[in-house]
Amino acid sequence: MIDTSIIRNGLQVQKFPVYQTDIPYIQQIMYVMYHSKEPLDKFPHLNMTIPVTIVDKGLLQ
C-alpha cells in the first residue's frame, strides 16, 4: 500500500484540505490504479491490437 504520509504531503503540496477519514479511500483508489496498470507494463502494445469480434447471426435478425 501507499504510505499515508506520501498521500498527505501530495494533498498539502496541491493546497487541498487533508481529511484523515479520506486517506484510506485515496489509498484504495491508488492501489487499484497501480494494479490495473500492470498488464500494460507487461504488454505495452496491448491496446494497439484490434480485437476479434464474433457476431451471432441470430442477433442480427
C-alpha atoms as a PDB file:
ATOM      1  CA  MET A   1       0.000   0.000   0.000  1.00  0.00           C
ATOM      2  CA  ILE A   2       0.992   3.593  -0.456  1.00  0.00           C
ATOM      3  CA  ASP A   3       2.236   5.314   2.667  1.00  0.00           C
ATOM      4  CA  THR A   4      -0.217   7.775   4.202  1.00  0.00           C
ATOM      5  CA  SER A   5       2.475  10.431   4.594  1.00  0.00           C
ATOM      6  CA  ILE A   6       3.015  10.458   0.813  1.00  0.00           C
ATOM      7  CA  ILE A   7      -0.716  10.989   0.234  1.00  0.00           C
ATOM      8  CA  ARG A   8      -0.903  13.665   2.926  1.00  0.00           C
ATOM      9  CA  ASN A   9       2.131  15.524   1.531  1.00  0.00           C
ATOM     10  CA  GLY A  10       0.761  15.300  -2.019  1.00  0.00           C
ATOM     11  CA  LEU A  11      -2.513  16.848  -0.929  1.00  0.00           C
ATOM     12  CA  GLN A  12      -0.766  19.607   1.029  1.00  0.00           C
ATOM     13  CA  VAL A  13       1.505  20.498  -1.906  1.00  0.00           C
ATOM     14  CA  GLN A  14      -1.579  20.983  -4.087  1.00  0.00           C
ATOM     15  CA  LYS A  15      -3.225  23.003  -1.284  1.00  0.00           C
ATOM     16  CA  PHE A  16      -6.076  20.518  -0.804  1.00  0.00           C
ATOM     17  CA  PRO A  17      -7.509  20.016   2.668  1.00  0.00           C
ATOM     18  CA  VAL A  18      -6.343  16.800   4.321  1.00  0.00           C
ATOM     19  CA  TYR A  19      -9.139  14.803   5.936  1.00  0.00           C
ATOM     20  CA  GLN A  20      -7.890  11.792   7.857  1.00  0.00           C
ATOM     21  CA  THR A  21     -11.056   9.835   7.003  1.00  0.00           C
ATOM     22  CA  ASP A  22     -10.378  10.224   3.249  1.00  0.00           C
ATOM     23  CA  ILE A  23      -6.875   8.724   3.346  1.00  0.00           C
ATOM     24  CA  PRO A  24      -7.996   5.035   3.222  1.00  0.00           C
ATOM     25  CA  TYR A  25     -10.239   5.747   0.225  1.00  0.00           C
ATOM     26  CA  ILE A  26      -7.408   7.514  -1.607  1.00  0.00           C
ATOM     27  CA  GLN A  27      -5.092   4.589  -0.784  1.00  0.00           C
ATOM     28  CA  GLN A  28      -7.589   2.123  -2.236  1.00  0.00           C
ATOM     29  CA  ILE A  29      -8.079   4.156  -5.417  1.00  0.00           C
ATOM     30  CA  MET A  30      -4.327   4.467  -5.945  1.00  0.00           C
ATOM     31  CA  TYR A  31      -3.869   0.744  -5.303  1.00  0.00           C
ATOM     32  CA  VAL A  32      -6.485  -0.093  -7.943  1.00  0.00           C
ATOM     33  CA  MET A  33      -4.896   2.334 -10.412  1.00  0.00           C
ATOM     34  CA  TYR A  34      -1.425   0.840  -9.992  1.00  0.00           C
ATOM     35  CA  HIS A  35      -2.823  -2.681 -10.130  1.00  0.00           C
ATOM     36  CA  SER A  36      -4.780  -2.044 -13.332  1.00  0.00           C
ATOM     37  CA  LYS A  37      -1.688  -0.576 -14.995  1.00  0.00           C
ATOM     38  CA  GLU A  38       0.354  -3.782 -14.616  1.00  0.00           C
ATOM     39  CA  PRO A  39      -0.927  -5.550 -17.781  1.00  0.00           C
ATOM     40  CA  LEU A  40       0.088  -2.547 -19.911  1.00  0.00           C
ATOM     41  CA  ASP A  41       3.568  -2.652 -18.377  1.00  0.00           C
ATOM     42  CA  LYS A  42       3.912  -6.304 -19.380  1.00  0.00           C
ATOM     43  CA  PHE A  43       2.229  -5.890 -22.792  1.00  0.00           C
ATOM     44  CA  PRO A  44       2.667  -2.234 -23.841  1.00  0.00           C
ATOM     45  CA  HIS A  45       1.129  -2.737 -27.295  1.00  0.00           C
ATOM     46  CA  LEU A  46      -1.952  -4.499 -25.962  1.00  0.00           C
ATOM     47  CA  ASN A  47      -4.269  -1.610 -26.768  1.00  0.00           C
ATOM     48  CA  MET A  48      -2.901  -1.339 -30.321  1.00  0.00           C
ATOM     49  CA  THR A  49      -4.265  -4.709 -31.478  1.00  0.00           C
ATOM     50  CA  ILE A  50      -7.726  -4.872 -32.988  1.00  0.00           C
ATOM     51  CA  PRO A  51      -9.974  -7.221 -31.050  1.00  0.00           C
ATOM     52  CA  VAL A  52     -11.661 -10.096 -32.844  1.00  0.00           C
ATOM     53  CA  THR A  53     -15.424  -9.693 -32.840  1.00  0.00           C
ATOM     54  CA  ILE A  54     -17.725 -12.621 -33.484  1.00  0.00           C
ATOM     55  CA  VAL A  55     -21.309 -11.713 -34.273  1.00  0.00           C
ATOM     56  CA  ASP A  56     -24.110 -14.207 -33.787  1.00  0.00           C
ATOM     57  CA  LYS A  57     -26.267 -14.177 -36.931  1.00  0.00           C
ATOM     58  CA  GLY A  58     -29.340 -14.804 -34.771  1.00  0.00           C
ATOM     59  CA  LEU A  59     -28.848 -11.479 -33.028  1.00  0.00           C
ATOM     60  CA  LEU A  60     -28.869  -9.554 -36.311  1.00  0.00           C
ATOM     61  CA  GLN A  61     -32.359 -10.653 -37.337  1.00  0.00           C
END
